[in-house]
Amino acid sequence: IGMHIYAYNATELISEISVGMELEGTAYELSQAIHPHPTLSELTFETLLGAIDKPIHL
């Protein structure tokens, strides 16, 4: 897993992926984390679901 973010609040969004990279987690494993609604972390959640072909909001 890798990630590039060019957006407002990028530092808030990159933390989850950086932990996943350090732990060598898969997109599926990271998608199993709880992502509260409404928050920016939902963007990460939706991206992870897209990576495993299970997007919710496409």
C-alpha atoms as a PDB file:
ATOM      1  CA  ILE A   1       0.000   0.000   0.000  1.00  0.00           C
ATOM      2  CA  GLY A   2       1.137   3.524  -0.792  1.00  0.00           C
ATOM      3  CA  MET A   3      -0.574   6.883  -0.941  1.00  0.00           C
ATOM      4  CA  HIS A   4      -0.181  10.420  -2.233  1.00  0.00           C
ATOM      5  CA  ILE A   5      -2.463  13.150  -0.929  1.00  0.00           C
ATOM      6  CA  TYR A   6      -2.638  16.682  -2.305  1.00  0.00           C
ATOM      7  CA  ALA A   7      -5.478  18.198  -0.331  1.00  0.00           C
ATOM      8  CA  TYR A   8      -6.493  20.326   2.599  1.00  0.00           C
ATOM      9  CA  ASN A   9      -6.049  18.322   5.838  1.00  0.00           C
ATOM     10  CA  ALA A  10      -3.738  15.834   4.112  1.00  0.00           C
ATOM     11  CA  THR A  11      -1.891  15.267   7.380  1.00  0.00           C
ATOM     12  CA  GLU A  12      -5.128  14.074   8.947  1.00  0.00           C
ATOM     13  CA  LEU A  13      -5.740  11.596   6.138  1.00  0.00           C
ATOM     14  CA  ILE A  14      -2.258  10.150   5.673  1.00  0.00           C
ATOM     15  CA  SER A  15      -1.830   8.856   9.230  1.00  0.00           C
ATOM     16  CA  GLU A  16      -3.972   5.747   8.795  1.00  0.00           C
ATOM     17  CA  ILE A  17      -2.167   4.704   5.627  1.00  0.00           C
ATOM     18  CA  SER A  18       1.275   5.359   7.116  1.00  0.00           C
ATOM     19  CA  VAL A  19       0.448   3.019  10.022  1.00  0.00           C
ATOM     20  CA  GLY A  20      -0.790   0.421   7.536  1.00  0.00           C
ATOM     21  CA  MET A  21       2.426   0.704   5.546  1.00  0.00           C
ATOM     22  CA  GLU A  22       4.549   0.301   8.679  1.00  0.00           C
ATOM     23  CA  LEU A  23       2.588  -2.816   9.681  1.00  0.00           C
ATOM     24  CA  GLU A  24       2.583  -4.109   6.074  1.00  0.00           C
ATOM     25  CA  GLY A  25      -1.206  -4.330   6.160  1.00  0.00           C
ATOM     26  CA  THR A  26      -3.388  -5.026   3.147  1.00  0.00           C
ATOM     27  CA  ALA A  27      -6.161  -2.802   1.797  1.00  0.00           C
ATOM     28  CA  TYR A  28      -8.670  -5.329   3.108  1.00  0.00           C
ATOM     29  CA  GLU A  29      -7.183  -5.294   6.614  1.00  0.00           C
ATOM     30  CA  LEU A  30      -7.177  -1.492   6.759  1.00  0.00           C
ATOM     31  CA  SER A  31     -10.744  -1.330   5.456  1.00  0.00           C
ATOM     32  CA  GLN A  32     -11.863  -3.356   8.477  1.00  0.00           C
ATOM     33  CA  ALA A  33     -11.033  -0.461  10.817  1.00  0.00           C
ATOM     34  CA  ILE A  34     -13.905   1.683  12.059  1.00  0.00           C
ATOM     35  CA  HIS A  35     -14.241   4.923  10.079  1.00  0.00           C
ATOM     36  CA  PRO A  36     -16.650   7.322  11.817  1.00  0.00           C
ATOM     37  CA  HIS A  37     -19.262   9.289   9.899  1.00  0.00           C
ATOM     38  CA  PRO A  38     -19.064  12.141   8.974  1.00  0.00           C
ATOM     39  CA  THR A  39     -15.278  12.547   8.915  1.00  0.00           C
ATOM     40  CA  LEU A  40     -12.462  12.871   6.437  1.00  0.00           C
ATOM     41  CA  SER A  41     -11.360   9.316   7.268  1.00  0.00           C
ATOM     42  CA  GLU A  42     -14.327   8.124   5.208  1.00  0.00           C
ATOM     43  CA  LEU A  43     -12.339   9.179   2.135  1.00  0.00           C
ATOM     44  CA  THR A  44      -9.619   6.718   3.102  1.00  0.00           C
ATOM     45  CA  PHE A  45     -12.226   4.047   3.813  1.00  0.00           C
ATOM     46  CA  GLU A  46     -13.888   4.482   0.416  1.00  0.00           C
ATOM     47  CA  THR A  47     -10.505   4.406  -1.336  1.00  0.00           C
ATOM     48  CA  LEU A  48      -9.548   1.186   0.445  1.00  0.00           C
ATOM     49  CA  LEU A  49     -12.872  -0.392  -0.505  1.00  0.00           C
ATOM     50  CA  GLY A  50     -12.279   0.647  -4.112  1.00  0.00           C
ATOM     51  CA  ALA A  51      -8.886  -1.069  -3.998  1.00  0.00           C
ATOM     52  CA  ILE A  52     -10.568  -4.363  -3.092  1.00  0.00           C
ATOM     53  CA  ASP A  53     -13.424  -3.848  -5.597  1.00  0.00           C
ATOM     54  CA  LYS A  54     -16.098  -3.220  -2.946  1.00  0.00           C
ATOM     55  CA  PRO A  55     -16.789   0.539  -3.069  1.00  0.00           C
ATOM     56  CA  ILE A  56     -19.915   1.784  -1.323  1.00  0.00           C
ATOM     57  CA  HIS A  57     -20.464   5.174  -2.964  1.00  0.00           C
ATOM     58  CA  LEU A  58     -19.494   5.040  -6.624  1.00  0.00           C
END
